[in-house]
């Protein structure tokens, strides 16, 4: 099993929500539902005057990812159990902002922090995941990094675990815009 931190591929354009949505108190992706809070089909835009290509999955508003409609549809069985897909319009096309709702537990005493005096811990460097808590989670966030990172489990021990792997699906389809950085590897496969 591997656990990845999912990050944007900066070789592609970034996506920005309209100012009124970005500046709202609801533009927080901290594992709480946003359906009914963010405007339905708000607008978003790619940075103009960029020679970078438009990705299939775009980093949006510095907090989350947005999936082009056909990509979201193809990955629905992987994405929907762990979050909500919120529609927005990008240059007249529908995209879906992904709000991860699954939260995993970490062992704070075995995790690494920039500051850890035994009482105060902040600046998470390396989380120590509780693997038994990840049995039903293939995409998740953690409270210890203020829900800032999105994590993905890649467990290839069964056919079902392969089919629920975001990493495997993105790789198989060749979708662009995401990078998967290994943060845990039990060495079960290479």
C-alpha atoms as a PDB file:
ATOM      1  CA  UNK A   1       0.000   0.000   0.000  1.00  0.00           C
ATOM      2  CA  UNK A   2       1.063   3.531  -0.760  1.00  0.00           C
ATOM      3  CA  UNK A   3      -0.392   6.798   0.429  1.00  0.00           C
ATOM      4  CA  UNK A   4       0.101   9.847  -1.738  1.00  0.00           C
ATOM      5  CA  UNK A   5      -0.261  13.541  -1.156  1.00  0.00           C
ATOM      6  CA  UNK A   6      -2.105  14.756  -4.246  1.00  0.00           C
ATOM      7  CA  UNK A   7      -0.735  18.051  -5.557  1.00  0.00           C
ATOM      8  CA  UNK A   8      -1.187  20.157  -8.673  1.00  0.00           C
ATOM      9  CA  UNK A   9       1.030  19.645 -11.687  1.00  0.00           C
ATOM     10  CA  UNK A  10       2.357  23.176 -12.195  1.00  0.00           C
ATOM     11  CA  UNK A  11       3.063  22.447 -15.855  1.00  0.00           C
ATOM     12  CA  UNK A  12      -0.649  23.146 -16.369  1.00  0.00           C
ATOM     13  CA  UNK A  13      -2.846  26.178 -15.821  1.00  0.00           C
ATOM     14  CA  UNK A  14      -4.448  26.910 -12.469  1.00  0.00           C
ATOM     15  CA  UNK A  15      -8.162  27.571 -12.093  1.00  0.00           C
ATOM     16  CA  UNK A  16      -9.621  30.466 -10.103  1.00  0.00           C
ATOM     17  CA  UNK A  17     -13.167  30.925  -8.796  1.00  0.00           C
ATOM     18  CA  UNK A  18     -14.930  34.240  -9.302  1.00  0.00           C
ATOM     19  CA  UNK A  19     -13.961  36.794  -6.648  1.00  0.00           C
ATOM     20  CA  UNK A  20     -17.319  36.783  -4.854  1.00  0.00           C
ATOM     21  CA  UNK A  21     -17.049  33.025  -4.245  1.00  0.00           C
ATOM     22  CA  UNK A  22     -13.319  33.021  -3.461  1.00  0.00           C
ATOM     23  CA  UNK A  23     -13.717  35.855  -0.946  1.00  0.00           C
ATOM     24  CA  UNK A  24     -16.771  34.307   0.732  1.00  0.00           C
ATOM     25  CA  UNK A  25     -16.658  32.724   4.176  1.00  0.00           C
ATOM     26  CA  UNK A  26     -17.660  29.431   2.562  1.00  0.00           C
ATOM     27  CA  UNK A  27     -14.520  29.030   0.413  1.00  0.00           C
ATOM     28  CA  UNK A  28     -12.964  26.660   2.944  1.00  0.00           C
ATOM     29  CA  UNK A  29     -12.352  23.027   2.154  1.00  0.00           C
ATOM     30  CA  UNK A  30     -12.070  21.637   5.675  1.00  0.00           C
ATOM     31  CA  UNK A  31     -14.028  18.383   5.256  1.00  0.00           C
ATOM     32  CA  UNK A  32     -17.394  20.075   5.846  1.00  0.00           C
ATOM     33  CA  UNK A  33     -20.237  20.015   3.286  1.00  0.00           C
ATOM     34  CA  UNK A  34     -20.441  23.038   0.982  1.00  0.00           C
ATOM     35  CA  UNK A  35     -23.439  21.997  -1.142  1.00  0.00           C
ATOM     36  CA  UNK A  36     -26.083  24.677  -0.695  1.00  0.00           C
ATOM     37  CA  UNK A  37     -23.517  27.132   0.675  1.00  0.00           C
ATOM     38  CA  UNK A  38     -21.516  27.914  -2.464  1.00  0.00           C
ATOM     39  CA  UNK A  39     -23.576  29.340  -5.336  1.00  0.00           C
ATOM     40  CA  UNK A  40     -24.800  26.732  -7.806  1.00  0.00           C
ATOM     41  CA  UNK A  41     -22.802  26.873 -11.071  1.00  0.00           C
ATOM     42  CA  UNK A  42     -20.576  29.796 -10.028  1.00  0.00           C
ATOM     43  CA  UNK A  43     -18.013  30.921 -12.578  1.00  0.00           C
ATOM     44  CA  UNK A  44     -14.329  30.110 -12.639  1.00  0.00           C
ATOM     45  CA  UNK A  45     -11.553  30.976 -15.054  1.00  0.00           C
ATOM     46  CA  UNK A  46      -8.093  29.930 -16.124  1.00  0.00           C
ATOM     47  CA  UNK A  47      -5.325  32.492 -15.981  1.00  0.00           C
ATOM     48  CA  UNK A  48      -5.176  34.339 -19.280  1.00  0.00           C
ATOM     49  CA  UNK A  49      -1.986  34.885 -21.255  1.00  0.00           C
ATOM     50  CA  UNK A  50      -0.527  31.562 -20.262  1.00  0.00           C
ATOM     51  CA  UNK A  51       1.268  29.222 -22.604  1.00  0.00           C
ATOM     52  CA  UNK A  52       0.582  26.307 -20.246  1.00  0.00           C
ATOM     53  CA  UNK A  53      -2.075  23.812 -21.369  1.00  0.00           C
ATOM     54  CA  UNK A  54      -5.452  23.382 -19.685  1.00  0.00           C
ATOM     55  CA  UNK A  55      -5.458  20.202 -17.565  1.00  0.00           C
ATOM     56  CA  UNK A  56      -8.141  17.570 -17.146  1.00  0.00           C
ATOM     57  CA  UNK A  57      -8.053  18.183 -13.381  1.00  0.00           C
ATOM     58  CA  UNK A  58      -7.161  21.719 -12.283  1.00  0.00           C
ATOM     59  CA  UNK A  59      -5.881  23.085  -8.991  1.00  0.00           C
ATOM     60  CA  UNK A  60      -8.504  25.613  -7.965  1.00  0.00           C
ATOM     61  CA  UNK A  61      -8.388  28.555  -5.616  1.00  0.00           C
ATOM     62  CA  UNK A  62      -5.340  27.219  -3.780  1.00  0.00           C
ATOM     63  CA  UNK A  63      -7.450  24.769  -1.772  1.00  0.00           C
ATOM     64  CA  UNK A  64      -8.936  22.052  -3.948  1.00  0.00           C
ATOM     65  CA  UNK A  65      -9.219  20.471  -7.379  1.00  0.00           C
ATOM     66  CA  UNK A  66     -11.805  20.829 -10.119  1.00  0.00           C
ATOM     67  CA  UNK A  67     -12.564  18.040 -12.586  1.00  0.00           C
ATOM     68  CA  UNK A  68     -13.752  18.616 -16.134  1.00  0.00           C
ATOM     69  CA  UNK A  69     -17.295  17.158 -16.427  1.00  0.00           C
ATOM     70  CA  UNK A  70     -16.290  14.100 -18.463  1.00  0.00           C
ATOM     71  CA  UNK A  71     -13.442  13.336 -16.062  1.00  0.00           C
ATOM     72  CA  UNK A  72     -15.710  13.701 -13.019  1.00  0.00           C
ATOM     73  CA  UNK A  73     -18.211  11.361 -14.652  1.00  0.00           C
ATOM     74  CA  UNK A  74     -15.516   8.762 -15.412  1.00  0.00           C
ATOM     75  CA  UNK A  75     -14.215   8.931 -11.821  1.00  0.00           C
ATOM     76  CA  UNK A  76     -17.590   9.276 -10.082  1.00  0.00           C
ATOM     77  CA  UNK A  77     -17.378   5.882  -8.339  1.00  0.00           C
ATOM     78  CA  UNK A  78     -14.021   6.880  -6.832  1.00  0.00           C
ATOM     79  CA  UNK A  79     -14.764  10.516  -5.969  1.00  0.00           C
ATOM     80  CA  UNK A  80     -18.349  10.486  -4.721  1.00  0.00           C
ATOM     81  CA  UNK A  81     -17.938   8.128  -1.711  1.00  0.00           C
ATOM     82  CA  UNK A  82     -15.345  10.484  -0.212  1.00  0.00           C
ATOM     83  CA  UNK A  83     -16.656  13.936  -1.024  1.00  0.00           C
ATOM     84  CA  UNK A  84     -19.010  16.115  -2.962  1.00  0.00           C
ATOM     85  CA  UNK A  85     -18.780  17.384  -6.510  1.00  0.00           C
ATOM     86  CA  UNK A  86     -19.910  21.006  -6.787  1.00  0.00           C
ATOM     87  CA  UNK A  87     -20.682  22.354 -10.280  1.00  0.00           C
ATOM     88  CA  UNK A  88     -19.116  25.491 -11.696  1.00  0.00           C
ATOM     89  CA  UNK A  89     -18.880  27.009 -15.166  1.00  0.00           C
ATOM     90  CA  UNK A  90     -15.518  27.457 -16.850  1.00  0.00           C
ATOM     91  CA  UNK A  91     -15.670  29.262 -20.185  1.00  0.00           C
ATOM     92  CA  UNK A  92     -19.200  27.918 -20.731  1.00  0.00           C
ATOM     93  CA  UNK A  93     -18.321  24.335 -19.827  1.00  0.00           C
ATOM     94  CA  UNK A  94     -19.310  22.485 -16.652  1.00  0.00           C
ATOM     95  CA  UNK A  95     -16.544  21.509 -14.258  1.00  0.00           C
ATOM     96  CA  UNK A  96     -16.889  20.040 -10.772  1.00  0.00           C
ATOM     97  CA  UNK A  97     -15.072  21.338  -7.720  1.00  0.00           C
ATOM     98  CA  UNK A  98     -14.191  18.457  -5.410  1.00  0.00           C
ATOM     99  CA  UNK A  99     -14.786  18.902  -1.691  1.00  0.00           C
ATOM    100  CA  UNK A 100     -13.210  15.987   0.191  1.00  0.00           C
ATOM    101  CA  UNK A 101     -15.340  15.006   3.197  1.00  0.00           C
ATOM    102  CA  UNK A 102     -13.497  11.877   4.388  1.00  0.00           C
ATOM    103  CA  UNK A 103     -11.142  12.477   7.287  1.00  0.00           C
ATOM    104  CA  UNK A 104      -8.498   9.991   8.449  1.00  0.00           C
ATOM    105  CA  UNK A 105      -6.845   9.714  11.817  1.00  0.00           C
ATOM    106  CA  UNK A 106      -3.135   9.993  12.460  1.00  0.00           C
ATOM    107  CA  UNK A 107      -1.077   9.130  15.510  1.00  0.00           C
ATOM    108  CA  UNK A 108       0.062  12.587  16.580  1.00  0.00           C
ATOM    109  CA  UNK A 109       2.677  11.210  18.969  1.00  0.00           C
ATOM    110  CA  UNK A 110       4.380   9.294  16.133  1.00  0.00           C
ATOM    111  CA  UNK A 111       4.032  12.058  13.506  1.00  0.00           C
ATOM    112  CA  UNK A 112       6.818  14.586  12.825  1.00  0.00           C
ATOM    113  CA  UNK A 113       6.291  18.323  13.361  1.00  0.00           C
ATOM    114  CA  UNK A 114       8.332  21.483  12.963  1.00  0.00           C
ATOM    115  CA  UNK A 115       7.551  22.240  16.603  1.00  0.00           C
ATOM    116  CA  UNK A 116       6.801  19.455  19.074  1.00  0.00           C
ATOM    117  CA  UNK A 117       7.486  20.063  22.731  1.00  0.00           C
ATOM    118  CA  UNK A 118       5.243  17.214  23.868  1.00  0.00           C
ATOM    119  CA  UNK A 119       2.306  19.546  24.469  1.00  0.00           C
ATOM    120  CA  UNK A 120       2.262  21.901  21.481  1.00  0.00           C
ATOM    121  CA  UNK A 121       2.551  20.469  17.997  1.00  0.00           C
ATOM    122  CA  UNK A 122       2.369  22.393  14.757  1.00  0.00           C
ATOM    123  CA  UNK A 123       3.894  22.454  11.295  1.00  0.00           C
ATOM    124  CA  UNK A 124       3.171  18.831  10.356  1.00  0.00           C
ATOM    125  CA  UNK A 125       6.122  17.405   8.431  1.00  0.00           C
ATOM    126  CA  UNK A 126       5.287  13.695   8.221  1.00  0.00           C
ATOM    127  CA  UNK A 127       1.984  12.238   9.360  1.00  0.00           C
ATOM    128  CA  UNK A 128       1.899   8.768  10.887  1.00  0.00           C
ATOM    129  CA  UNK A 129      -1.302   7.329   9.430  1.00  0.00           C
ATOM    130  CA  UNK A 130      -3.426   4.825  11.323  1.00  0.00           C
ATOM    131  CA  UNK A 131      -3.716   2.288   8.527  1.00  0.00           C
ATOM    132  CA  UNK A 132      -6.706   0.494  10.046  1.00  0.00           C
ATOM    133  CA  UNK A 133      -8.634   3.788   9.744  1.00  0.00           C
ATOM    134  CA  UNK A 134      -8.021   3.821   5.970  1.00  0.00           C
ATOM    135  CA  UNK A 135      -9.831   0.573   5.113  1.00  0.00           C
ATOM    136  CA  UNK A 136     -12.851   2.413   3.665  1.00  0.00           C
ATOM    137  CA  UNK A 137     -11.086   5.606   2.587  1.00  0.00           C
ATOM    138  CA  UNK A 138      -9.286   5.991  -0.709  1.00  0.00           C
ATOM    139  CA  UNK A 139      -9.331   9.826  -0.703  1.00  0.00           C
ATOM    140  CA  UNK A 140      -9.127  11.799   2.530  1.00  0.00           C
ATOM    141  CA  UNK A 141      -7.869  14.805   4.458  1.00  0.00           C
ATOM    142  CA  UNK A 142      -6.438  15.064   7.970  1.00  0.00           C
ATOM    143  CA  UNK A 143      -7.106  17.593  10.706  1.00  0.00           C
ATOM    144  CA  UNK A 144      -3.427  17.779  11.722  1.00  0.00           C
ATOM    145  CA  UNK A 145      -2.499  19.792   8.598  1.00  0.00           C
ATOM    146  CA  UNK A 146      -5.665  21.933   8.843  1.00  0.00           C
ATOM    147  CA  UNK A 147      -7.212  19.917   5.999  1.00  0.00           C
ATOM    148  CA  UNK A 148      -4.817  21.569   3.553  1.00  0.00           C
ATOM    149  CA  UNK A 149      -3.587  18.447   1.738  1.00  0.00           C
ATOM    150  CA  UNK A 150      -5.562  15.836  -0.140  1.00  0.00           C
ATOM    151  CA  UNK A 151      -4.352  12.268   0.310  1.00  0.00           C
ATOM    152  CA  UNK A 152      -5.013   9.177  -1.789  1.00  0.00           C
ATOM    153  CA  UNK A 153      -4.596   5.503  -0.895  1.00  0.00           C
ATOM    154  CA  UNK A 154      -3.199   3.154  -3.531  1.00  0.00           C
ATOM    155  CA  UNK A 155      -3.857  -0.389  -2.321  1.00  0.00           C
ATOM    156  CA  UNK A 156      -3.613  -3.060  -4.982  1.00  0.00           C
ATOM    157  CA  UNK A 157      -4.358  -6.067  -2.774  1.00  0.00           C
ATOM    158  CA  UNK A 158      -7.793  -6.716  -4.337  1.00  0.00           C
ATOM    159  CA  UNK A 159      -9.599  -5.891  -7.566  1.00  0.00           C
ATOM    160  CA  UNK A 160     -11.963  -3.595  -5.627  1.00  0.00           C
ATOM    161  CA  UNK A 161      -9.079  -1.676  -4.081  1.00  0.00           C
ATOM    162  CA  UNK A 162      -7.527  -1.162  -7.518  1.00  0.00           C
ATOM    163  CA  UNK A 163     -10.846   0.070  -8.921  1.00  0.00           C
ATOM    164  CA  UNK A 164     -11.216   2.552  -6.046  1.00  0.00           C
ATOM    165  CA  UNK A 165      -7.686   3.977  -6.401  1.00  0.00           C
ATOM    166  CA  UNK A 166      -7.547   7.559  -7.664  1.00  0.00           C
ATOM    167  CA  UNK A 167      -3.904   7.022  -8.615  1.00  0.00           C
ATOM    168  CA  UNK A 168      -4.716   3.962 -10.742  1.00  0.00           C
ATOM    169  CA  UNK A 169      -7.661   5.700 -12.441  1.00  0.00           C
ATOM    170  CA  UNK A 170      -5.728   8.875 -13.264  1.00  0.00           C
ATOM    171  CA  UNK A 171      -2.811   6.807 -14.590  1.00  0.00           C
ATOM    172  CA  UNK A 172      -5.001   4.452 -16.621  1.00  0.00           C
ATOM    173  CA  UNK A 173      -6.919   7.289 -18.290  1.00  0.00           C
ATOM    174  CA  UNK A 174      -3.852   9.495 -18.733  1.00  0.00           C
ATOM    175  CA  UNK A 175      -5.582  12.480 -17.136  1.00  0.00           C
ATOM    176  CA  UNK A 176      -3.415  15.551 -16.605  1.00  0.00           C
ATOM    177  CA  UNK A 177      -3.110  18.112 -13.820  1.00  0.00           C
ATOM    178  CA  UNK A 178      -2.273  15.990 -10.771  1.00  0.00           C
ATOM    179  CA  UNK A 179       0.924  14.774  -9.154  1.00  0.00           C
ATOM    180  CA  UNK A 180       1.062  11.964  -6.617  1.00  0.00           C
ATOM    181  CA  UNK A 181       3.826  12.311  -4.022  1.00  0.00           C
ATOM    182  CA  UNK A 182       4.502   9.240  -1.878  1.00  0.00           C
ATOM    183  CA  UNK A 183       4.158   9.931   1.859  1.00  0.00           C
ATOM    184  CA  UNK A 184       3.854   6.282   2.958  1.00  0.00           C
ATOM    185  CA  UNK A 185       4.993   3.054   1.299  1.00  0.00           C
ATOM    186  CA  UNK A 186       4.808  -0.379   2.923  1.00  0.00           C
ATOM    187  CA  UNK A 187       6.807  -1.869   0.025  1.00  0.00           C
ATOM    188  CA  UNK A 188       4.029  -4.257  -1.041  1.00  0.00           C
ATOM    189  CA  UNK A 189       4.415  -3.245  -4.695  1.00  0.00           C
ATOM    190  CA  UNK A 190       6.705  -1.053  -6.732  1.00  0.00           C
END
